[in-house]
């Protein structure tokens, strides 16, 4: 279901994104999962930085 937000934008994908994130996370606690995501983000940034050199 698509809802209008307070600024008039039509939104509908947020629930689907949360469902996919919960499915990927599995039974891991969200506080623990943030370390996984942070590590992947930092690793990706480092890889791009070193690839440019």
PDB file of N, CA and C in Angstrom:
ATOM      1  N   UNK A   1       0.832  -1.177   0.000  1.00  0.00           N
ATOM      2  CA  UNK A   1       0.000   0.000   0.000  1.00  0.00           C
ATOM      3  C   UNK A   1       0.876   1.239   0.000  1.00  0.00           C
ATOM      4  N   UNK A   2       0.595   2.168  -0.888  1.00  0.00           N
ATOM      5  CA  UNK A   2       1.368   3.394  -1.007  1.00  0.00           C
ATOM      6  C   UNK A   2       0.722   4.467  -0.159  1.00  0.00           C
ATOM      7  N   UNK A   3       1.537   5.119   0.673  1.00  0.00           N
ATOM      8  CA  UNK A   3       1.039   6.171   1.556  1.00  0.00           C
ATOM      9  C   UNK A   3       1.665   7.496   1.153  1.00  0.00           C
ATOM     10  N   UNK A   4       0.977   8.578   1.428  1.00  0.00           N
ATOM     11  CA  UNK A   4       1.548   9.904   1.249  1.00  0.00           C
ATOM     12  C   UNK A   4       2.224  10.312   2.544  1.00  0.00           C
ATOM     13  N   UNK A   5       3.443  10.777   2.444  1.00  0.00           N
ATOM     14  CA  UNK A   5       4.144  11.239   3.642  1.00  0.00           C
ATOM     15  C   UNK A   5       3.736  12.679   3.924  1.00  0.00           C
ATOM     16  N   UNK A   6       4.253  13.244   4.997  1.00  0.00           N
ATOM     17  CA  UNK A   6       3.895  14.606   5.382  1.00  0.00           C
ATOM     18  C   UNK A   6       4.345  15.637   4.353  1.00  0.00           C
ATOM     19  N   UNK A   7       5.367  15.301   3.539  1.00  0.00           N
ATOM     20  CA  UNK A   7       5.834  16.251   2.534  1.00  0.00           C
ATOM     21  C   UNK A   7       5.205  15.997   1.166  1.00  0.00           C
ATOM     22  N   UNK A   8       4.241  15.092   1.077  1.00  0.00           N
ATOM     23  CA  UNK A   8       3.521  14.857  -0.167  1.00  0.00           C
ATOM     24  C   UNK A   8       4.105  13.765  -1.045  1.00  0.00           C
ATOM     25  N   UNK A   9       5.247  13.210  -0.689  1.00  0.00           N
ATOM     26  CA  UNK A   9       5.861  12.160  -1.496  1.00  0.00           C
ATOM     27  C   UNK A   9       5.112  10.850  -1.298  1.00  0.00           C
ATOM     28  N   UNK A  10       4.988  10.090  -2.362  1.00  0.00           N
ATOM     29  CA  UNK A  10       4.324   8.791  -2.264  1.00  0.00           C
ATOM     30  C   UNK A  10       5.371   7.741  -1.921  1.00  0.00           C
ATOM     31  N   UNK A  11       5.183   7.106  -0.789  1.00  0.00           N
ATOM     32  CA  UNK A  11       6.139   6.118  -0.307  1.00  0.00           C
ATOM     33  C   UNK A  11       5.461   4.766  -0.201  1.00  0.00           C
ATOM     34  N   UNK A  12       6.202   3.707  -0.464  1.00  0.00           N
ATOM     35  CA  UNK A  12       5.625   2.386  -0.353  1.00  0.00           C
ATOM     36  C   UNK A  12       6.655   1.293  -0.268  1.00  0.00           C
ATOM     37  N   UNK A  13       7.907   1.639  -0.445  1.00  0.00           N
ATOM     38  CA  UNK A  13       8.946   0.628  -0.487  1.00  0.00           C
ATOM     39  C   UNK A  13       9.633   0.402   0.852  1.00  0.00           C
ATOM     40  N   UNK A  14       9.391   1.249   1.843  1.00  0.00           N
ATOM     41  CA  UNK A  14      10.100   1.135   3.115  1.00  0.00           C
ATOM     42  C   UNK A  14       9.803  -0.172   3.819  1.00  0.00           C
ATOM     43  N   UNK A  15       8.546  -0.579   3.852  1.00  0.00           N
ATOM     44  CA  UNK A  15       8.190  -1.842   4.508  1.00  0.00           C
ATOM     45  C   UNK A  15       8.875  -3.016   3.836  1.00  0.00           C
ATOM     46  N   UNK A  16       8.940  -2.993   2.514  1.00  0.00           N
ATOM     47  CA  UNK A  16       9.595  -4.079   1.772  1.00  0.00           C
ATOM     48  C   UNK A  16      11.095  -4.111   2.098  1.00  0.00           C
ATOM     49  N   UNK A  17      11.719  -2.936   2.182  1.00  0.00           N
ATOM     50  CA  UNK A  17      13.143  -2.877   2.537  1.00  0.00           C
ATOM     51  C   UNK A  17      13.391  -3.436   3.927  1.00  0.00           C
ATOM     52  N   UNK A  18      12.540  -3.085   4.906  1.00  0.00           N
ATOM     53  CA  UNK A  18      12.694  -3.596   6.260  1.00  0.00           C
ATOM     54  C   UNK A  18      12.513  -5.107   6.295  1.00  0.00           C
ATOM     55  N   UNK A  19      11.542  -5.620   5.533  1.00  0.00           N
ATOM     56  CA  UNK A  19      11.323  -7.064   5.486  1.00  0.00           C
ATOM     57  C   UNK A  19      12.545  -7.780   4.922  1.00  0.00           C
ATOM     58  N   UNK A  20      13.132  -7.226   3.854  1.00  0.00           N
ATOM     59  CA  UNK A  20      14.324  -7.847   3.256  1.00  0.00           C
ATOM     60  C   UNK A  20      15.508  -7.789   4.217  1.00  0.00           C
ATOM     61  N   UNK A  21      15.670  -6.662   4.923  1.00  0.00           N
ATOM     62  CA  UNK A  21      16.772  -6.530   5.874  1.00  0.00           C
ATOM     63  C   UNK A  21      16.619  -7.524   7.018  1.00  0.00           C
ATOM     64  N   UNK A  22      15.388  -7.691   7.518  1.00  0.00           N
ATOM     65  CA  UNK A  22      15.147  -8.664   8.587  1.00  0.00           C
ATOM     66  C   UNK A  22      15.431 -10.084   8.109  1.00  0.00           C
ATOM     67  N   UNK A  23      15.084 -10.377   6.863  1.00  0.00           N
ATOM     68  CA  UNK A  23      15.330 -11.713   6.315  1.00  0.00           C
ATOM     69  C   UNK A  23      16.831 -11.981   6.184  1.00  0.00           C
ATOM     70  N   UNK A  24      17.595 -10.968   5.729  1.00  0.00           N
ATOM     71  CA  UNK A  24      19.049 -11.129   5.592  1.00  0.00           C
ATOM     72  C   UNK A  24      19.710 -11.273   6.957  1.00  0.00           C
ATOM     73  N   UNK A  25      19.199 -10.548   7.931  1.00  0.00           N
ATOM     74  CA  UNK A  25      19.786 -10.567   9.278  1.00  0.00           C
ATOM     75  C   UNK A  25      19.563 -11.905   9.959  1.00  0.00           C
ATOM     76  N   UNK A  26      18.467 -12.568   9.642  1.00  0.00           N
ATOM     77  CA  UNK A  26      18.169 -13.856  10.253  1.00  0.00           C
ATOM     78  C   UNK A  26      17.882 -13.726  11.735  1.00  0.00           C
ATOM     79  N   UNK A  27      18.507 -14.577  12.524  1.00  0.00           N
ATOM     80  CA  UNK A  27      18.257 -14.599  13.964  1.00  0.00           C
ATOM     81  C   UNK A  27      19.264 -13.755  14.741  1.00  0.00           C
ATOM     82  N   UNK A  28      20.089 -12.998  14.038  1.00  0.00           N
ATOM     83  CA  UNK A  28      21.094 -12.167  14.691  1.00  0.00           C
ATOM     84  C   UNK A  28      20.431 -10.923  15.284  1.00  0.00           C
ATOM     85  N   UNK A  29      20.880 -10.513  16.452  1.00  0.00           N
ATOM     86  CA  UNK A  29      20.373  -9.307  17.092  1.00  0.00           C
ATOM     87  C   UNK A  29      20.746  -8.091  16.253  1.00  0.00           C
ATOM     88  N   UNK A  30      19.862  -7.113  16.181  1.00  0.00           N
ATOM     89  CA  UNK A  30      20.121  -5.934  15.350  1.00  0.00           C
ATOM     90  C   UNK A  30      21.339  -5.152  15.835  1.00  0.00           C
ATOM     91  N   UNK A  31      21.589  -5.140  17.137  1.00  0.00           N
ATOM     92  CA  UNK A  31      22.774  -4.473  17.670  1.00  0.00           C
ATOM     93  C   UNK A  31      24.062  -5.135  17.228  1.00  0.00           C
ATOM     94  N   UNK A  32      24.008  -6.441  17.050  1.00  0.00           N
ATOM     95  CA  UNK A  32      25.178  -7.186  16.575  1.00  0.00           C
ATOM     96  C   UNK A  32      25.339  -7.041  15.064  1.00  0.00           C
ATOM     97  N   UNK A  33      24.225  -6.988  14.364  1.00  0.00           N
ATOM     98  CA  UNK A  33      24.249  -6.909  12.904  1.00  0.00           C
ATOM     99  C   UNK A  33      24.835  -5.589  12.422  1.00  0.00           C
ATOM    100  N   UNK A  34      24.708  -4.530  13.223  1.00  0.00           N
ATOM    101  CA  UNK A  34      25.251  -3.235  12.804  1.00  0.00           C
ATOM    102  C   UNK A  34      26.764  -3.314  12.634  1.00  0.00           C
ATOM    103  N   UNK A  35      27.424  -4.172  13.415  1.00  0.00           N
ATOM    104  CA  UNK A  35      28.870  -4.331  13.269  1.00  0.00           C
ATOM    105  C   UNK A  35      29.210  -4.994  11.937  1.00  0.00           C
ATOM    106  N   UNK A  36      28.384  -5.921  11.508  1.00  0.00           N
ATOM    107  CA  UNK A  36      28.589  -6.575  10.212  1.00  0.00           C
ATOM    108  C   UNK A  36      28.441  -5.561   9.090  1.00  0.00           C
ATOM    109  N   UNK A  37      27.372  -4.770   9.136  1.00  0.00           N
ATOM    110  CA  UNK A  37      27.122  -3.780   8.089  1.00  0.00           C
ATOM    111  C   UNK A  37      28.202  -2.710   8.094  1.00  0.00           C
ATOM    112  N   UNK A  38      28.610  -2.256   9.255  1.00  0.00           N
ATOM    113  CA  UNK A  38      29.660  -1.250   9.345  1.00  0.00           C
ATOM    114  C   UNK A  38      30.967  -1.781   8.761  1.00  0.00           C
ATOM    115  N   UNK A  39      31.318  -3.016   9.068  1.00  0.00           N
ATOM    116  CA  UNK A  39      32.522  -3.611   8.516  1.00  0.00           C
ATOM    117  C   UNK A  39      32.473  -3.729   7.010  1.00  0.00           C
ATOM    118  N   UNK A  40      31.319  -4.110   6.477  1.00  0.00           N
ATOM    119  CA  UNK A  40      31.177  -4.215   5.023  1.00  0.00           C
ATOM    120  C   UNK A  40      31.292  -2.841   4.365  1.00  0.00           C
ATOM    121  N   UNK A  41      30.734  -1.825   5.001  1.00  0.00           N
ATOM    122  CA  UNK A  41      30.783  -0.468   4.447  1.00  0.00           C
ATOM    123  C   UNK A  41      32.206   0.070   4.439  1.00  0.00           C
ATOM    124  N   UNK A  42      32.903  -0.096   5.558  1.00  0.00           N
ATOM    125  CA  UNK A  42      34.284   0.385   5.652  1.00  0.00           C
ATOM    126  C   UNK A  42      35.172  -0.386   4.687  1.00  0.00           C
ATOM    127  N   UNK A  43      34.990  -1.692   4.601  1.00  0.00           N
ATOM    128  CA  UNK A  43      35.779  -2.495   3.668  1.00  0.00           C
ATOM    129  C   UNK A  43      35.563  -2.083   2.227  1.00  0.00           C
ATOM    130  N   UNK A  44      34.338  -1.772   1.883  1.00  0.00           N
ATOM    131  CA  UNK A  44      34.030  -1.324   0.534  1.00  0.00           C
ATOM    132  C   UNK A  44      34.705   0.011   0.239  1.00  0.00           C
ATOM    133  N   UNK A  45      34.661   0.924   1.191  1.00  0.00           N
ATOM    134  CA  UNK A  45      35.306   2.231   1.007  1.00  0.00           C
ATOM    135  C   UNK A  45      36.808   2.082   0.855  1.00  0.00           C
ATOM    136  N   UNK A  46      37.415   1.238   1.680  1.00  0.00           N
ATOM    137  CA  UNK A  46      38.864   1.010   1.584  1.00  0.00           C
ATOM    138  C   UNK A  46      39.234   0.382   0.252  1.00  0.00           C
ATOM    139  N   UNK A  47      38.423  -0.563  -0.197  1.00  0.00           N
ATOM    140  CA  UNK A  47      38.711  -1.219  -1.470  1.00  0.00           C
ATOM    141  C   UNK A  47      38.666  -0.219  -2.615  1.00  0.00           C
ATOM    142  N   UNK A  48      37.660   0.656  -2.617  1.00  0.00           N
ATOM    143  CA  UNK A  48      37.578   1.681  -3.658  1.00  0.00           C
ATOM    144  C   UNK A  48      38.746   2.643  -3.575  1.00  0.00           C
ATOM    145  N   UNK A  49      39.162   2.980  -2.358  1.00  0.00           N
ATOM    146  CA  UNK A  49      40.259   3.932  -2.183  1.00  0.00           C
ATOM    147  C   UNK A  49      41.574   3.330  -2.697  1.00  0.00           C
ATOM    148  N   UNK A  50      41.849   2.068  -2.356  1.00  0.00           N
ATOM    149  CA  UNK A  50      43.090   1.439  -2.791  1.00  0.00           C
ATOM    150  C   UNK A  50      43.071   1.079  -4.276  1.00  0.00           C
ATOM    151  N   UNK A  51      41.886   0.844  -4.816  1.00  0.00           N
ATOM    152  CA  UNK A  51      41.784   0.526  -6.240  1.00  0.00           C
ATOM    153  C   UNK A  51      42.159   1.721  -7.082  1.00  0.00           C
ATOM    154  N   UNK A  52      41.861   2.926  -6.589  1.00  0.00           N
ATOM    155  CA  UNK A  52      42.169   4.147  -7.321  1.00  0.00           C
ATOM    156  C   UNK A  52      43.660   4.453  -7.336  1.00  0.00           C
ATOM    157  N   UNK A  53      44.404   3.930  -6.369  1.00  0.00           N
ATOM    158  CA  UNK A  53      45.846   4.229  -6.297  1.00  0.00           C
ATOM    159  C   UNK A  53      46.610   3.528  -7.335  1.00  0.00           C
TER     160      UNK A  53
END
